[in-house]
């Protein structure tokens, strides 16, 4: 990661970033009507299943995102040649993500194949890093600081790419849901990049935000086009790119905590590899009512998702549901920004007093949002609880695990520190608590609603 101050960026560089972003936005925005027309003309349409009228909507709108991204990347190569190698790899990686998504849109790849192909995307970055075509620094975590994972971290890159791509892909299905939550995450990554002085983070966050915004205006309720997997996988990989190249891994993870939460619920409730058609036939998480309101399914085997949790209090129309999803995503963004403050404190860029002041300031929008959107209060508290538990794990690792457990496990290819394995295992109880609280909350809300009727 290069810092903004190290590169001595001033008004001119910021102007170039803004110009590139505006061009990326304009290309995506003005291309979308032509893409919509083309998709409809050639029968690439889907049914909007969350409306009783089941309107026909153009699919694979992520093509517009990719075109805007390609033009923007070329401009960035011209304006910022210092990042040329990085941009070449980023360009190929996101284009390949789009190809995988396009194949899935057309021939419906099985879940295990899609995961395998997204692992390949990370492998491309891994190989480029191994041959020093690009260069990563070890991730910086709150409390723990910069991790010493010189050998191990590059091996984890394919996993990181896969997780980010597929978590974004899983939180999609309602008008504007995927693109809107990604925009919120990117907005907070822009702020976080500025705060931790990450040049790559700022550069890519601003440009990716503008490109997705151009698509969002056609994807928001009522949607004129769906992103398809070509769009969702590309957006997920974009955020992974920012996390890796901008040294924002922990912060980006927090910004996507809603997506991670949804994916965790999805995987634990499915307990296997099921395709979307089978889930809608046997385990659909919602029920569409006659007045276009959406109700949470009360079937024990139904898929557990964030929308189902939100709807457990009472039914909502699609736009109302998506707005509540945006609010939770915004709260996760605030956690990401606080994580940026924590990273700065860990790296001694700010002192404890400044950290406390920033934390208190961030409490204001949290309290306001929870006051006006009481429906998501309990869900937000579960997410905040998990965040606090993760923080306590980091603290425990820093005070107890790292100082006293220094042995390594030799796997011939790589030595894995035992303290790292123990640290990862400490996350398992948190996942169990997360699952337990979520299940208890959902069925408590359902029971309370039934008793009131």
Foldseek 3Di string as FASTA:
>chain_A
DDFCVNVPDDDVLVVLLVVLQQQLLVQLQVCQVVQFVVQVVVVQWAFLVLFPVRDTAHEQSLVSLLVSLVSSLVSCCVSPVVCNLVSVLLNVLLVQQLVLQVCCSPVNDFPVVSLVSLLVSLVSVLVCCVVPSDHFFAAQFFPVGGDPCVPPVSVCRSVLLSVLLVLLVLQDRFQLQSLLLLLLLLVLQCVLCVLLRFPLSNSLSSNSNSNSVSVNVQRHPVHNYYNTSSNSSSSSNSLSSSVTRRSLVVLSCLLCVLSVLFVLQQCVLVVDGDGPVVLVVPAAQWDQDPVSWIAGDPDPSHRDGPLNLLRLQDTGHRNVSSVVSSLLSNLSSLVSNLRSVSSCCSVVVDDPVVSVVSVVVSVVVVVVSCVVCVSCVLVSVLSVVLVVQLVVLSVCLSPPLVVPQADWDDPPSDTHGPSVVVSVVSCVVSSVVSVVSSVVSSVVSNVVVVVVD
